[in-house]
Amino acid sequence: MPIFEYICTDCRKRFEALVYNNSKPPQCPLCHGTNLDQQISVFAMGASRAAPSSLAGPACEGCACSVPGGPAGCPNLD
């Protein structure tokens, strides 16, 4: 049961949805729209040391937060 992240293109609400193989496409919980952009999920993982920078992906360039995963994972761009 994968959880996907979406941004509604109508109202710009960011949300997560649990999607099953045979389920209908998710709707925005705010406006109930179905025009959604699926985002690349950034997940947290506990480790004893940081991942090498080559595995972390690009940092956000939209602000100074340096979130791995680029602008899609930036909490400041919601």
PDB file of N, CA and C in Angstrom:
ATOM      1  N   MET A   1       0.833  -1.178   0.000  1.00  0.00           N
ATOM      2  CA  MET A   1       0.000   0.000   0.000  1.00  0.00           C
ATOM      3  C   MET A   1       0.883   1.250   0.000  1.00  0.00           C
ATOM      4  N   PRO A   2       1.213   1.731  -1.165  1.00  0.00           N
ATOM      5  CA  PRO A   2       2.076   2.914  -1.221  1.00  0.00           C
ATOM      6  C   PRO A   2       1.326   4.199  -0.894  1.00  0.00           C
ATOM      7  N   ILE A   3       2.031   5.099  -0.247  1.00  0.00           N
ATOM      8  CA  ILE A   3       1.521   6.428   0.033  1.00  0.00           C
ATOM      9  C   ILE A   3       2.218   7.380  -0.938  1.00  0.00           C
ATOM     10  N   PHE A   4       1.424   8.125  -1.691  1.00  0.00           N
ATOM     11  CA  PHE A   4       1.957   9.073  -2.650  1.00  0.00           C
ATOM     12  C   PHE A   4       1.670  10.496  -2.195  1.00  0.00           C
ATOM     13  N   GLU A   5       2.546  11.405  -2.575  1.00  0.00           N
ATOM     14  CA  GLU A   5       2.357  12.827  -2.294  1.00  0.00           C
ATOM     15  C   GLU A   5       1.871  13.502  -3.572  1.00  0.00           C
ATOM     16  N   TYR A   6       0.939  14.419  -3.408  1.00  0.00           N
ATOM     17  CA  TYR A   6       0.353  15.135  -4.539  1.00  0.00           C
ATOM     18  C   TYR A   6       0.270  16.624  -4.232  1.00  0.00           C
ATOM     19  N   ILE A   7       0.207  17.427  -5.314  1.00  0.00           N
ATOM     20  CA  ILE A   7      -0.140  18.842  -5.222  1.00  0.00           C
ATOM     21  C   ILE A   7      -1.304  19.041  -6.180  1.00  0.00           C
ATOM     22  N   CYS A   8      -2.385  19.603  -5.663  1.00  0.00           N
ATOM     23  CA  CYS A   8      -3.549  19.897  -6.484  1.00  0.00           C
ATOM     24  C   CYS A   8      -3.224  21.102  -7.362  1.00  0.00           C
ATOM     25  N   THR A   9      -3.410  20.971  -8.666  1.00  0.00           N
ATOM     26  CA  THR A   9      -3.107  22.080  -9.573  1.00  0.00           C
ATOM     27  C   THR A   9      -4.185  23.161  -9.537  1.00  0.00           C
ATOM     28  N   ASP A  10      -5.343  22.847  -8.966  1.00  0.00           N
ATOM     29  CA  ASP A  10      -6.420  23.834  -8.879  1.00  0.00           C
ATOM     30  C   ASP A  10      -6.242  24.770  -7.682  1.00  0.00           C
ATOM     31  N   CYS A  11      -5.982  24.203  -6.488  1.00  0.00           N
ATOM     32  CA  CYS A  11      -5.911  25.045  -5.283  1.00  0.00           C
ATOM     33  C   CYS A  11      -4.522  25.039  -4.633  1.00  0.00           C
ATOM     34  N   ARG A  12      -3.557  24.274  -5.186  1.00  0.00           N
ATOM     35  CA  ARG A  12      -2.166  24.196  -4.717  1.00  0.00           C
ATOM     36  C   ARG A  12      -2.016  23.517  -3.353  1.00  0.00           C
ATOM     37  N   LYS A  13      -3.018  22.772  -2.900  1.00  0.00           N
ATOM     38  CA  LYS A  13      -2.945  22.027  -1.637  1.00  0.00           C
ATOM     39  C   LYS A  13      -1.998  20.847  -1.822  1.00  0.00           C
ATOM     40  N   ARG A  14      -1.088  20.662  -0.874  1.00  0.00           N
ATOM     41  CA  ARG A  14      -0.184  19.510  -0.868  1.00  0.00           C
ATOM     42  C   ARG A  14      -0.767  18.490   0.100  1.00  0.00           C
ATOM     43  N   PHE A  15      -0.830  17.217  -0.326  1.00  0.00           N
ATOM     44  CA  PHE A  15      -1.382  16.174   0.534  1.00  0.00           C
ATOM     45  C   PHE A  15      -0.811  14.815   0.164  1.00  0.00           C
ATOM     46  N   GLU A  16      -1.042  13.859   1.038  1.00  0.00           N
ATOM     47  CA  GLU A  16      -0.633  12.475   0.816  1.00  0.00           C
ATOM     48  C   GLU A  16      -1.875  11.623   0.660  1.00  0.00           C
ATOM     49  N   ALA A  17      -1.771  10.559  -0.143  1.00  0.00           N
ATOM     50  CA  ALA A  17      -2.899   9.661  -0.339  1.00  0.00           C
ATOM     51  C   ALA A  17      -2.396   8.228  -0.400  1.00  0.00           C
ATOM     52  N   LEU A  18      -3.121   7.337   0.262  1.00  0.00           N
ATOM     53  CA  LEU A  18      -2.855   5.911   0.212  1.00  0.00           C
ATOM     54  C   LEU A  18      -3.533   5.377  -1.042  1.00  0.00           C
ATOM     55  N   VAL A  19      -2.749   4.798  -1.956  1.00  0.00           N
ATOM     56  CA  VAL A  19      -3.286   4.390  -3.251  1.00  0.00           C
ATOM     57  C   VAL A  19      -3.138   2.882  -3.418  1.00  0.00           C
ATOM     58  N   TYR A  20      -4.251   2.221  -3.666  1.00  0.00           N
ATOM     59  CA  TYR A  20      -4.265   0.792  -3.945  1.00  0.00           C
ATOM     60  C   TYR A  20      -4.230   0.590  -5.457  1.00  0.00           C
ATOM     61  N   ASN A  21      -3.820  -0.606  -5.903  1.00  0.00           N
ATOM     62  CA  ASN A  21      -3.736  -0.884  -7.339  1.00  0.00           C
ATOM     63  C   ASN A  21      -5.066  -0.722  -8.060  1.00  0.00           C
ATOM     64  N   ASN A  22      -6.165  -1.107  -7.434  1.00  0.00           N
ATOM     65  CA  ASN A  22      -7.454  -1.080  -8.109  1.00  0.00           C
ATOM     66  C   ASN A  22      -8.349   0.075  -7.655  1.00  0.00           C
ATOM     67  N   SER A  23      -7.790   1.049  -6.954  1.00  0.00           N
ATOM     68  CA  SER A  23      -8.600   2.177  -6.484  1.00  0.00           C
ATOM     69  C   SER A  23      -8.672   3.266  -7.546  1.00  0.00           C
ATOM     70  N   LYS A  24      -9.707   4.097  -7.450  1.00  0.00           N
ATOM     71  CA  LYS A  24      -9.819   5.218  -8.378  1.00  0.00           C
ATOM     72  C   LYS A  24      -8.816   6.300  -7.968  1.00  0.00           C
ATOM     73  N   PRO A  25      -8.457   7.206  -8.885  1.00  0.00           N
ATOM     74  CA  PRO A  25      -7.472   8.250  -8.573  1.00  0.00           C
ATOM     75  C   PRO A  25      -7.906   9.089  -7.369  1.00  0.00           C
ATOM     76  N   PRO A  26      -6.955   9.570  -6.590  1.00  0.00           N
ATOM     77  CA  PRO A  26      -7.291  10.368  -5.409  1.00  0.00           C
ATOM     78  C   PRO A  26      -7.874  11.729  -5.789  1.00  0.00           C
ATOM     79  N   GLN A  27      -8.542  12.340  -4.821  1.00  0.00           N
ATOM     80  CA  GLN A  27      -9.075  13.694  -4.965  1.00  0.00           C
ATOM     81  C   GLN A  27      -8.427  14.593  -3.926  1.00  0.00           C
ATOM     82  N   CYS A  28      -8.343  15.862  -4.241  1.00  0.00           N
ATOM     83  CA  CYS A  28      -7.833  16.850  -3.296  1.00  0.00           C
ATOM     84  C   CYS A  28      -8.790  16.924  -2.103  1.00  0.00           C
ATOM     85  N   PRO A  29      -8.268  16.858  -0.874  1.00  0.00           N
ATOM     86  CA  PRO A  29      -9.140  16.932   0.301  1.00  0.00           C
ATOM     87  C   PRO A  29      -9.721  18.335   0.527  1.00  0.00           C
ATOM     88  N   LEU A  30      -9.150  19.354  -0.112  1.00  0.00           N
ATOM     89  CA  LEU A  30      -9.635  20.724   0.081  1.00  0.00           C
ATOM     90  C   LEU A  30     -10.722  21.104  -0.933  1.00  0.00           C
ATOM     91  N   CYS A  31     -10.413  20.919  -2.235  1.00  0.00           N
ATOM     92  CA  CYS A  31     -11.355  21.346  -3.275  1.00  0.00           C
ATOM     93  C   CYS A  31     -12.001  20.183  -4.021  1.00  0.00           C
ATOM     94  N   HIS A  32     -11.584  18.956  -3.701  1.00  0.00           N
ATOM     95  CA  HIS A  32     -12.094  17.726  -4.326  1.00  0.00           C
ATOM     96  C   HIS A  32     -11.753  17.635  -5.808  1.00  0.00           C
ATOM     97  N   GLY A  33     -10.756  18.400  -6.239  1.00  0.00           N
ATOM     98  CA  GLY A  33     -10.308  18.349  -7.623  1.00  0.00           C
ATOM     99  C   GLY A  33      -9.503  17.093  -7.902  1.00  0.00           C
ATOM    100  N   THR A  34      -9.401  16.745  -9.186  1.00  0.00           N
ATOM    101  CA  THR A  34      -8.623  15.569  -9.589  1.00  0.00           C
ATOM    102  C   THR A  34      -7.452  15.939 -10.492  1.00  0.00           C
ATOM    103  N   ASN A  35      -7.193  17.228 -10.678  1.00  0.00           N
ATOM    104  CA  ASN A  35      -6.031  17.685 -11.438  1.00  0.00           C
ATOM    105  C   ASN A  35      -4.852  17.744 -10.477  1.00  0.00           C
ATOM    106  N   LEU A  36      -4.116  16.633 -10.399  1.00  0.00           N
ATOM    107  CA  LEU A  36      -3.065  16.493  -9.400  1.00  0.00           C
ATOM    108  C   LEU A  36      -1.717  16.255 -10.044  1.00  0.00           C
ATOM    109  N   ASP A  37      -0.684  16.788  -9.429  1.00  0.00           N
ATOM    110  CA  ASP A  37       0.695  16.498  -9.818  1.00  0.00           C
ATOM    111  C   ASP A  37       1.286  15.596  -8.745  1.00  0.00           C
ATOM    112  N   GLN A  38       1.687  14.376  -9.132  1.00  0.00           N
ATOM    113  CA  GLN A  38       2.310  13.470  -8.176  1.00  0.00           C
ATOM    114  C   GLN A  38       3.739  13.939  -7.924  1.00  0.00           C
ATOM    115  N   GLN A  39       4.117  13.979  -6.662  1.00  0.00           N
ATOM    116  CA  GLN A  39       5.428  14.467  -6.256  1.00  0.00           C
ATOM    117  C   GLN A  39       6.350  13.305  -5.924  1.00  0.00           C
ATOM    118  N   ILE A  40       7.624  13.551  -5.966  1.00  0.00           N
ATOM    119  CA  ILE A  40       8.599  12.564  -5.528  1.00  0.00           C
ATOM    120  C   ILE A  40       8.627  12.609  -4.013  1.00  0.00           C
ATOM    121  N   SER A  41       8.358  11.490  -3.385  1.00  0.00           N
ATOM    122  CA  SER A  41       8.306  11.442  -1.927  1.00  0.00           C
ATOM    123  C   SER A  41       9.711  11.444  -1.353  1.00  0.00           C
ATOM    124  N   VAL A  42       9.895  12.238  -0.321  1.00  0.00           N
ATOM    125  CA  VAL A  42      11.144  12.262   0.434  1.00  0.00           C
ATOM    126  C   VAL A  42      10.830  11.594   1.756  1.00  0.00           C
ATOM    127  N   PHE A  43      11.476  10.480   2.023  1.00  0.00           N
ATOM    128  CA  PHE A  43      11.173   9.752   3.242  1.00  0.00           C
ATOM    129  C   PHE A  43      12.320   9.867   4.231  1.00  0.00           C
ATOM    130  N   ALA A  44      11.986   9.708   5.495  1.00  0.00           N
ATOM    131  CA  ALA A  44      12.990   9.772   6.551  1.00  0.00           C
ATOM    132  C   ALA A  44      13.453   8.369   6.879  1.00  0.00           C
ATOM    133  N   MET A  45      14.736   8.251   7.202  1.00  0.00           N
ATOM    134  CA  MET A  45      15.281   6.956   7.534  1.00  0.00           C
ATOM    135  C   MET A  45      16.352   7.167   8.592  1.00  0.00           C
ATOM    136  N   GLY A  46      16.271   6.422   9.658  1.00  0.00           N
ATOM    137  CA  GLY A  46      17.287   6.527  10.691  1.00  0.00           C
ATOM    138  C   GLY A  46      18.565   5.824  10.267  1.00  0.00           C
ATOM    139  N   ALA A  47      19.687   6.438  10.539  1.00  0.00           N
ATOM    140  CA  ALA A  47      20.981   5.849  10.202  1.00  0.00           C
ATOM    141  C   ALA A  47      22.016   6.372  11.180  1.00  0.00           C
ATOM    142  N   SER A  48      23.088   5.627  11.298  1.00  0.00           N
ATOM    143  CA  SER A  48      24.136   6.050  12.211  1.00  0.00           C
ATOM    144  C   SER A  48      25.029   7.122  11.607  1.00  0.00           C
ATOM    145  N   ARG A  49      24.976   7.274  10.276  1.00  0.00           N
ATOM    146  CA  ARG A  49      25.751   8.325   9.621  1.00  0.00           C
ATOM    147  C   ARG A  49      24.987   8.823   8.407  1.00  0.00           C
ATOM    148  N   ALA A  50      25.338   9.990   7.930  1.00  0.00           N
ATOM    149  CA  ALA A  50      24.638  10.598   6.795  1.00  0.00           C
ATOM    150  C   ALA A  50      24.953   9.843   5.510  1.00  0.00           C
ATOM    151  N   ALA A  51      24.017   9.859   4.575  1.00  0.00           N
ATOM    152  CA  ALA A  51      24.222   9.247   3.276  1.00  0.00           C
ATOM    153  C   ALA A  51      25.229  10.077   2.493  1.00  0.00           C
ATOM    154  N   PRO A  52      26.006   9.443   1.625  1.00  0.00           N
ATOM    155  CA  PRO A  52      26.922  10.207   0.784  1.00  0.00           C
ATOM    156  C   PRO A  52      26.160  11.224  -0.046  1.00  0.00           C
ATOM    157  N   SER A  53      26.782  12.361  -0.304  1.00  0.00           N
ATOM    158  CA  SER A  53      26.095  13.429  -1.023  1.00  0.00           C
ATOM    159  C   SER A  53      25.662  12.993  -2.411  1.00  0.00           C
ATOM    160  N   SER A  54      26.336  12.022  -3.028  1.00  0.00           N
ATOM    161  CA  SER A  54      25.941  11.559  -4.354  1.00  0.00           C
ATOM    162  C   SER A  54      24.607  10.833  -4.316  1.00  0.00           C
ATOM    163  N   LEU A  55      24.182  10.335  -3.147  1.00  0.00           N
ATOM    164  CA  LEU A  55      22.911   9.639  -3.018  1.00  0.00           C
ATOM    165  C   LEU A  55      21.793  10.564  -2.552  1.00  0.00           C
ATOM    166  N   ALA A  56      22.131  11.709  -2.035  1.00  0.00           N
ATOM    167  CA  ALA A  56      21.135  12.596  -1.446  1.00  0.00           C
ATOM    168  C   ALA A  56      20.301  13.322  -2.490  1.00  0.00           C
ATOM    169  N   GLY A  57      20.777  13.475  -3.716  1.00  0.00           N
ATOM    170  CA  GLY A  57      20.034  14.179  -4.749  1.00  0.00           C
ATOM    171  C   GLY A  57      20.280  15.671  -4.652  1.00  0.00           C
ATOM    172  N   PRO A  58      19.689  16.432  -5.560  1.00  0.00           N
ATOM    173  CA  PRO A  58      19.935  17.873  -5.567  1.00  0.00           C
ATOM    174  C   PRO A  58      19.271  18.561  -4.384  1.00  0.00           C
ATOM    175  N   ALA A  59      19.906  19.582  -3.898  1.00  0.00           N
ATOM    176  CA  ALA A  59      19.334  20.370  -2.800  1.00  0.00           C
ATOM    177  C   ALA A  59      18.377  21.399  -3.376  1.00  0.00           C
ATOM    178  N   CYS A  60      17.472  21.857  -2.551  1.00  0.00           N
ATOM    179  CA  CYS A  60      16.499  22.869  -2.971  1.00  0.00           C
ATOM    180  C   CYS A  60      17.231  24.146  -3.355  1.00  0.00           C
ATOM    181  N   GLU A  61      16.887  24.694  -4.500  1.00  0.00           N
ATOM    182  CA  GLU A  61      17.494  25.941  -4.950  1.00  0.00           C
ATOM    183  C   GLU A  61      16.553  27.123  -4.773  1.00  0.00           C
ATOM    184  N   GLY A  62      15.304  26.853  -4.304  1.00  0.00           N
ATOM    185  CA  GLY A  62      14.319  27.908  -4.162  1.00  0.00           C
ATOM    186  C   GLY A  62      14.492  28.722  -2.897  1.00  0.00           C
ATOM    187  N   CYS A  63      15.283  28.209  -1.944  1.00  0.00           N
ATOM    188  CA  CYS A  63      15.518  28.927  -0.697  1.00  0.00           C
ATOM    189  C   CYS A  63      16.795  28.386  -0.066  1.00  0.00           C
ATOM    190  N   ALA A  64      17.036  28.695   1.154  1.00  0.00           N
ATOM    191  CA  ALA A  64      18.270  28.280   1.815  1.00  0.00           C
ATOM    192  C   ALA A  64      18.090  27.042   2.693  1.00  0.00           C
ATOM    193  N   CYS A  65      17.025  26.264   2.488  1.00  0.00           N
ATOM    194  CA  CYS A  65      16.762  25.143   3.397  1.00  0.00           C
ATOM    195  C   CYS A  65      17.619  23.918   3.091  1.00  0.00           C
ATOM    196  N   SER A  66      18.117  23.759   1.883  1.00  0.00           N
ATOM    197  CA  SER A  66      18.965  22.633   1.475  1.00  0.00           C
ATOM    198  C   SER A  66      18.315  21.280   1.727  1.00  0.00           C
ATOM    199  N   VAL A  67      17.027  21.152   1.439  1.00  0.00           N
ATOM    200  CA  VAL A  67      16.321  19.888   1.606  1.00  0.00           C
ATOM    201  C   VAL A  67      16.724  18.946   0.483  1.00  0.00           C
ATOM    202  N   PRO A  68      17.156  17.695   0.805  1.00  0.00           N
ATOM    203  CA  PRO A  68      17.443  16.740  -0.262  1.00  0.00           C
ATOM    204  C   PRO A  68      16.188  16.484  -1.096  1.00  0.00           C
ATOM    205  N   GLY A  69      16.358  16.287  -2.374  1.00  0.00           N
ATOM    206  CA  GLY A  69      15.231  16.016  -3.250  1.00  0.00           C
ATOM    207  C   GLY A  69      14.822  17.210  -4.076  1.00  0.00           C
ATOM    208  N   GLY A  70      15.462  18.342  -3.864  1.00  0.00           N
ATOM    209  CA  GLY A  70      15.172  19.516  -4.665  1.00  0.00           C
ATOM    210  C   GLY A  70      13.884  20.205  -4.268  1.00  0.00           C
ATOM    211  N   PRO A  71      13.367  21.066  -5.133  1.00  0.00           N
ATOM    212  CA  PRO A  71      12.186  21.863  -4.808  1.00  0.00           C
ATOM    213  C   PRO A  71      10.950  21.030  -4.448  1.00  0.00           C
ATOM    214  N   ALA A  72      10.816  19.806  -4.964  1.00  0.00           N
ATOM    215  CA  ALA A  72       9.636  18.987  -4.657  1.00  0.00           C
ATOM    216  C   ALA A  72       9.567  18.652  -3.175  1.00  0.00           C
ATOM    217  N   GLY A  73      10.707  18.595  -2.483  1.00  0.00           N
ATOM    218  CA  GLY A  73      10.704  18.277  -1.067  1.00  0.00           C
ATOM    219  C   GLY A  73      10.800  19.478  -0.151  1.00  0.00           C
ATOM    220  N   CYS A  74      10.827  20.673  -0.707  1.00  0.00           N
ATOM    221  CA  CYS A  74      11.011  21.874   0.088  1.00  0.00           C
ATOM    222  C   CYS A  74       9.733  22.238   0.826  1.00  0.00           C
ATOM    223  N   PRO A  75       9.775  22.305   2.152  1.00  0.00           N
ATOM    224  CA  PRO A  75       8.581  22.679   2.924  1.00  0.00           C
ATOM    225  C   PRO A  75       8.239  24.156   2.781  1.00  0.00           C
ATOM    226  N   ASN A  76       9.179  24.966   2.313  1.00  0.00           N
ATOM    227  CA  ASN A  76       8.947  26.402   2.178  1.00  0.00           C
ATOM    228  C   ASN A  76       8.250  26.777   0.884  1.00  0.00           C
ATOM    229  N   LEU A  77       8.089  25.822  -0.031  1.00  0.00           N
ATOM    230  CA  LEU A  77       7.469  26.123  -1.322  1.00  0.00           C
ATOM    231  C   LEU A  77       6.025  25.662  -1.377  1.00  0.00           C
ATOM    232  N   ASP A  78       5.431  25.305  -0.245  1.00  0.00           N
ATOM    233  CA  ASP A  78       4.015  24.877  -0.222  1.00  0.00           C
ATOM    234  C   ASP A  78       3.097  26.000  -0.586  1.00  0.00           C
TER     235      ASP A  78
END
